[in-house]
Amino acid sequence: MISSSEDDPRLEQEELLRMMRHRVDALVVASCQETSKHLRKIGGEVPLILLDRRYEDFETNFVGTNDLLVGQMATEHLIDRGFRRIAYIGGKKASTSLGRLEGYRQALRHHEISVPESYIVRRRHSDESGDTTGCQAMQKLLRVKPRPDAVFCFNDPAAVGAMNAILAAGLRIPEDIALIGAGNIRYAESFRVPLSSIDVSCNALGEYVGNLVIQLTARKKPARPKAIMVQPRLIARDSTGAKMEQRSGVV
């Protein structure tokens, strides 16, 4: 059974309860809940795997990536390319956004680069309507003085929206503003400007989740929660000024 919460916490709770009524053997949830309260209750009744997003106060099975490292890698890449006025577009509450924001900040501190708080824009609906909120966030950044010369978007949908806003303003990518996302979505290389991104293999995530579900449902007694982390990779393309020979490779 597959369902979408459409980034709505209330709808997510309703869908999870509906699945529970169907007596599912396990649940895999990429949650949009602000707290772990509702998930804790469900986790006590059926094997639960959190996908991509996690909660510090809730120890349960998790499959995802090191979001702190994702933020560091993206920001370090922009710094290596010579950019210094680096902005960040992210979500409000999701652990992916919070971890990547901290990685962004750590990379800047490491290089003794300071940025104004106006360079950090966070929107609530960051996945389901990521392109729309990314566009709105970028429009806000375009009004900041001095204007950022690079932007790290915590996911690719936000980067798509940011790209649309930059191009609509008559600016060039990466000559005026460089751009990097995270997720390496399927068509990232086919955009008007091929998008640099931090790749977290969706195939690997799915395989790890599937194998973990089989393990959990085969056990007669509860097992200690597992945390499985997929290593992120930098994919450099034109949106950060990558060289032609780097387009389809890992840098």
Protein backbone atom coordinates (compact mmCIF):
# COMPACT_ATOMS: atom_id res chain seq x y z
CA MET A 1 0.00 0.00 0.00
CA ILE A 2 1.35 3.41 -0.99
CA SER A 3 0.01 6.77 0.11
CA SER A 4 1.07 10.43 0.01
CA SER A 5 0.56 12.89 2.84
CA GLU A 6 1.01 15.82 0.44
CA ASP A 7 3.23 17.34 3.15
CA ASP A 8 0.18 17.62 5.46
CA PRO A 9 0.71 16.25 9.00
CA ARG A 10 -3.03 15.69 9.60
CA LEU A 11 -3.46 13.79 6.33
CA GLU A 12 -0.39 11.71 7.18
CA GLN A 13 -1.93 10.65 10.49
CA GLU A 14 -5.19 9.71 8.79
CA GLU A 15 -3.41 7.64 6.15
CA LEU A 16 -1.28 5.83 8.74
CA LEU A 17 -4.36 4.93 10.77
CA ARG A 18 -6.06 3.68 7.61
CA MET A 19 -3.11 1.42 6.89
CA MET A 20 -3.13 0.16 10.47
CA ARG A 21 -6.78 -0.81 10.06
CA HIS A 22 -5.71 -2.95 7.09
CA ARG A 23 -3.33 -4.79 9.46
CA VAL A 24 -0.14 -4.07 7.54
CA ASP A 25 2.95 -6.05 8.57
CA ALA A 26 5.25 -3.00 8.58
CA LEU A 27 5.24 0.73 7.85
CA VAL A 28 7.80 2.84 5.99
CA VAL A 29 7.24 6.54 6.62
CA ALA A 30 8.88 9.68 5.25
CA SER A 31 7.13 11.76 7.86
CA CYS A 32 6.16 15.43 7.83
CA GLN A 33 5.18 15.44 11.53
CA GLU A 34 6.76 18.18 13.63
CA THR A 35 7.17 15.79 16.58
CA SER A 36 7.52 12.04 17.01
CA LYS A 37 4.45 11.68 19.28
CA HIS A 38 2.10 10.06 16.76
CA LEU A 39 4.83 7.85 15.28
CA ARG A 40 5.84 6.58 18.72
CA LYS A 41 2.35 5.18 19.24
CA ILE A 42 2.34 3.43 15.88
CA GLY A 43 5.88 2.11 16.38
CA GLY A 44 4.70 0.26 19.46
CA GLU A 45 2.15 -1.67 17.40
CA VAL A 46 3.89 -2.53 14.13
CA PRO A 47 7.50 -2.54 12.82
CA LEU A 48 8.29 1.01 11.71
CA ILE A 49 11.01 2.37 9.42
CA LEU A 50 11.57 6.10 9.08
CA LEU A 51 12.79 7.03 5.60
CA ASP A 52 14.89 10.14 4.96
CA ARG A 53 13.56 12.06 7.98
CA ARG A 54 14.24 11.21 11.61
CA TYR A 55 13.64 12.50 15.15
CA GLU A 56 16.40 12.92 17.74
CA ASP A 57 14.09 11.88 20.60
CA PHE A 58 12.76 8.73 18.90
CA GLU A 59 14.97 5.68 18.47
CA THR A 60 13.54 3.52 15.71
CA ASN A 61 14.62 1.99 12.40
CA PHE A 62 15.94 4.58 9.96
CA VAL A 63 17.16 4.57 6.36
CA GLY A 64 18.57 7.81 5.02
CA THR A 65 21.75 9.82 4.70
CA ASN A 66 24.00 12.08 6.76
CA ASP A 67 22.30 15.41 6.17
CA LEU A 68 25.05 17.33 7.94
CA LEU A 69 27.51 15.93 5.41
CA VAL A 70 25.17 16.79 2.51
CA GLY A 71 25.15 20.43 3.62
CA GLN A 72 28.90 20.49 4.06
CA MET A 73 29.58 18.93 0.65
CA ALA A 74 27.28 21.31 -1.22
CA THR A 75 28.65 24.40 0.49
CA GLU A 76 32.28 23.28 0.18
CA HIS A 77 31.74 22.77 -3.56
CA LEU A 78 30.46 26.34 -3.95
CA ILE A 79 33.39 27.68 -1.93
CA ASP A 80 35.83 25.64 -4.05
CA ARG A 81 34.30 27.21 -7.16
CA GLY A 82 35.16 30.67 -5.76
CA PHE A 83 31.79 31.79 -4.40
CA ARG A 84 31.59 33.59 -1.05
CA ARG A 85 28.11 35.15 -0.76
CA ILE A 86 26.35 31.81 -0.38
CA ALA A 87 22.66 31.68 0.53
CA TYR A 88 20.54 28.75 1.73
CA ILE A 89 16.97 27.75 0.85
CA GLY A 90 15.38 25.10 3.07
CA GLY A 91 12.33 23.89 4.94
CA LYS A 92 11.07 24.78 8.39
CA LYS A 93 10.96 21.61 10.49
CA ALA A 94 12.13 18.59 8.49
CA SER A 95 15.28 16.92 9.82
CA THR A 96 16.73 16.91 6.30
CA SER A 97 16.55 20.71 6.16
CA LEU A 98 17.84 21.23 9.69
CA GLY A 99 20.82 18.89 9.18
CA ARG A 100 21.74 20.40 5.82
CA LEU A 101 21.45 23.92 7.21
CA GLU A 102 23.87 23.02 10.01
CA GLY A 103 26.27 21.50 7.47
CA TYR A 104 26.07 24.72 5.42
CA ARG A 105 26.86 26.79 8.50
CA GLN A 106 29.75 24.56 9.56
CA ALA A 107 31.38 24.76 6.13
CA LEU A 108 31.14 28.55 6.13
CA ARG A 109 32.61 28.77 9.64
CA HIS A 110 35.46 26.46 8.64
CA HIS A 111 36.41 28.90 5.87
CA GLU A 112 35.74 31.95 8.07
CA ILE A 113 33.00 33.16 5.74
CA SER A 114 30.20 35.12 7.38
CA VAL A 115 26.79 35.63 5.79
CA PRO A 116 23.83 37.72 6.96
CA GLU A 117 20.77 35.92 8.31
CA SER A 118 18.86 37.37 5.36
CA TYR A 119 20.75 34.84 3.21
CA ILE A 120 18.89 31.98 4.94
CA VAL A 121 15.29 31.50 3.75
CA ARG A 122 13.14 28.66 5.08
CA ARG A 123 9.65 27.72 3.90
CA ARG A 124 7.18 25.25 5.39
CA HIS A 125 6.02 23.29 2.33
CA SER A 126 9.38 22.24 1.00
CA ASP A 127 8.70 18.88 -0.68
CA GLU A 128 5.20 18.66 -2.11
CA SER A 129 5.32 22.27 -3.43
CA GLY A 130 9.09 22.61 -3.41
CA ASP A 131 9.39 24.30 -6.80
CA THR A 132 6.82 26.95 -5.83
CA THR A 133 8.33 27.67 -2.42
CA GLY A 134 11.84 27.56 -3.90
CA CYS A 135 10.83 30.18 -6.45
CA GLN A 136 9.32 32.40 -3.74
CA ALA A 137 12.42 32.02 -1.55
CA MET A 138 14.72 32.91 -4.46
CA GLN A 139 12.65 35.98 -5.30
CA LYS A 140 13.20 37.11 -1.71
CA LEU A 141 16.95 36.51 -1.98
CA LEU A 142 17.12 38.53 -5.21
CA ARG A 143 16.01 41.58 -3.22
CA VAL A 144 18.80 41.21 -0.64
CA LYS A 145 21.75 43.61 -0.88
CA PRO A 146 24.38 42.54 -1.69
CA ARG A 147 22.78 39.81 -3.75
CA PRO A 148 24.08 36.26 -3.14
CA ASP A 149 26.44 34.94 -5.78
CA ALA A 150 25.49 31.30 -5.03
CA VAL A 151 22.62 29.37 -3.45
CA PHE A 152 22.45 25.94 -1.85
CA CYS A 153 18.92 24.52 -1.98
CA PHE A 154 18.35 21.67 0.45
CA ASN A 155 16.53 19.62 -2.20
CA ASP A 156 16.23 19.61 -5.98
CA PRO A 157 12.56 20.71 -6.20
CA ALA A 158 13.51 23.90 -4.35
CA ALA A 159 16.46 24.31 -6.70
CA VAL A 160 14.15 24.01 -9.72
CA GLY A 161 12.00 26.84 -8.35
CA ALA A 162 15.09 28.92 -7.58
CA MET A 163 16.39 28.36 -11.11
CA ASN A 164 13.10 29.55 -12.58
CA ALA A 165 13.21 32.73 -10.47
CA ILE A 166 16.83 33.50 -11.39
CA LEU A 167 16.24 33.06 -15.12
CA ALA A 168 12.95 34.98 -15.01
CA ALA A 169 14.86 37.91 -13.49
CA GLY A 170 17.12 37.97 -16.55
CA LEU A 171 20.15 36.65 -14.66
CA ARG A 172 22.56 33.94 -15.75
CA ILE A 173 23.42 30.66 -14.03
CA PRO A 174 26.19 30.35 -12.88
CA GLU A 175 27.71 33.62 -14.12
CA ASP A 176 25.46 35.79 -11.91
CA ILE A 177 24.25 33.22 -9.38
CA ALA A 178 25.43 29.63 -9.03
CA LEU A 179 23.02 26.96 -7.84
CA ILE A 180 23.26 23.51 -6.24
CA GLY A 181 20.53 21.19 -4.96
CA ALA A 182 20.34 17.81 -3.25
CA GLY A 183 18.74 14.57 -4.37
CA ASN A 184 19.99 14.41 -7.97
CA ILE A 185 16.51 13.92 -9.38
CA ARG A 186 16.17 12.03 -12.63
CA TYR A 187 16.05 14.99 -15.02
CA ALA A 188 18.60 17.22 -13.27
CA GLU A 189 20.93 17.09 -16.29
CA SER A 190 18.12 18.07 -18.69
CA PHE A 191 17.13 21.39 -17.11
CA ARG A 192 17.70 24.68 -18.95
CA VAL A 193 20.93 24.78 -16.95
CA PRO A 194 22.06 21.28 -15.89
CA LEU A 195 21.79 21.22 -12.10
CA SER A 196 24.64 20.35 -9.75
CA SER A 197 23.35 18.23 -6.90
CA ILE A 198 24.31 16.03 -3.98
CA ASP A 199 23.22 12.55 -4.95
CA VAL A 200 21.60 10.25 -2.39
CA SER A 201 20.79 7.12 -4.37
CA CYS A 202 17.03 6.52 -4.36
CA ASN A 203 17.65 2.98 -5.61
CA ALA A 204 19.95 2.26 -2.68
CA LEU A 205 17.47 3.73 -0.21
CA GLY A 206 14.71 1.56 -1.64
CA GLU A 207 16.81 -1.60 -1.56
CA TYR A 208 17.89 -1.02 2.04
CA VAL A 209 14.29 -0.35 3.08
CA GLY A 210 13.01 -3.46 1.30
CA ASN A 211 15.64 -5.71 2.87
CA LEU A 212 15.02 -4.23 6.31
CA VAL A 213 11.26 -4.78 6.01
CA ILE A 214 11.88 -8.44 5.18
CA GLN A 215 14.17 -8.80 8.19
CA LEU A 216 11.75 -7.10 10.58
CA THR A 217 8.69 -9.04 9.48
CA ALA A 218 10.56 -12.36 9.65
CA ARG A 219 11.49 -11.87 13.30
CA LYS A 220 9.22 -13.21 16.01
CA LYS A 221 10.62 -10.83 18.62
CA PRO A 222 11.36 -7.10 18.31
CA ALA A 223 14.97 -6.35 17.33
CA ARG A 224 17.14 -3.42 18.29
CA PRO A 225 16.49 -0.50 15.89
CA LYS A 226 18.86 -0.18 12.95
CA ALA A 227 20.14 3.02 11.33
CA ILE A 228 21.30 2.57 7.72
CA MET A 229 23.07 5.53 6.10
CA VAL A 230 23.59 5.91 2.34
CA GLN A 231 26.76 7.82 1.45
CA PRO A 232 26.07 11.09 -0.45
CA ARG A 233 28.02 11.98 -3.63
CA LEU A 234 28.66 15.30 -5.33
CA ILE A 235 27.48 15.49 -8.95
CA ALA A 236 28.88 18.70 -10.47
CA ARG A 237 27.19 20.20 -13.53
CA ASP A 238 26.84 23.57 -15.29
CA SER A 239 24.82 25.35 -12.59
CA THR A 240 27.97 25.69 -10.48
CA GLY A 241 30.30 26.27 -13.41
CA ALA A 242 31.54 22.70 -13.60
CA LYS A 243 33.74 21.80 -16.58
CA MET A 244 32.21 19.89 -19.47
CA GLU A 245 34.08 16.69 -18.61
CA GLN A 246 32.61 16.76 -15.10
CA ARG A 247 28.97 16.83 -16.14
CA SER A 248 28.12 13.15 -15.79
CA GLY A 249 30.81 12.15 -13.33
CA VAL A 250 31.33 12.20 -9.61
CA VAL A 251 33.68 14.96 -8.53
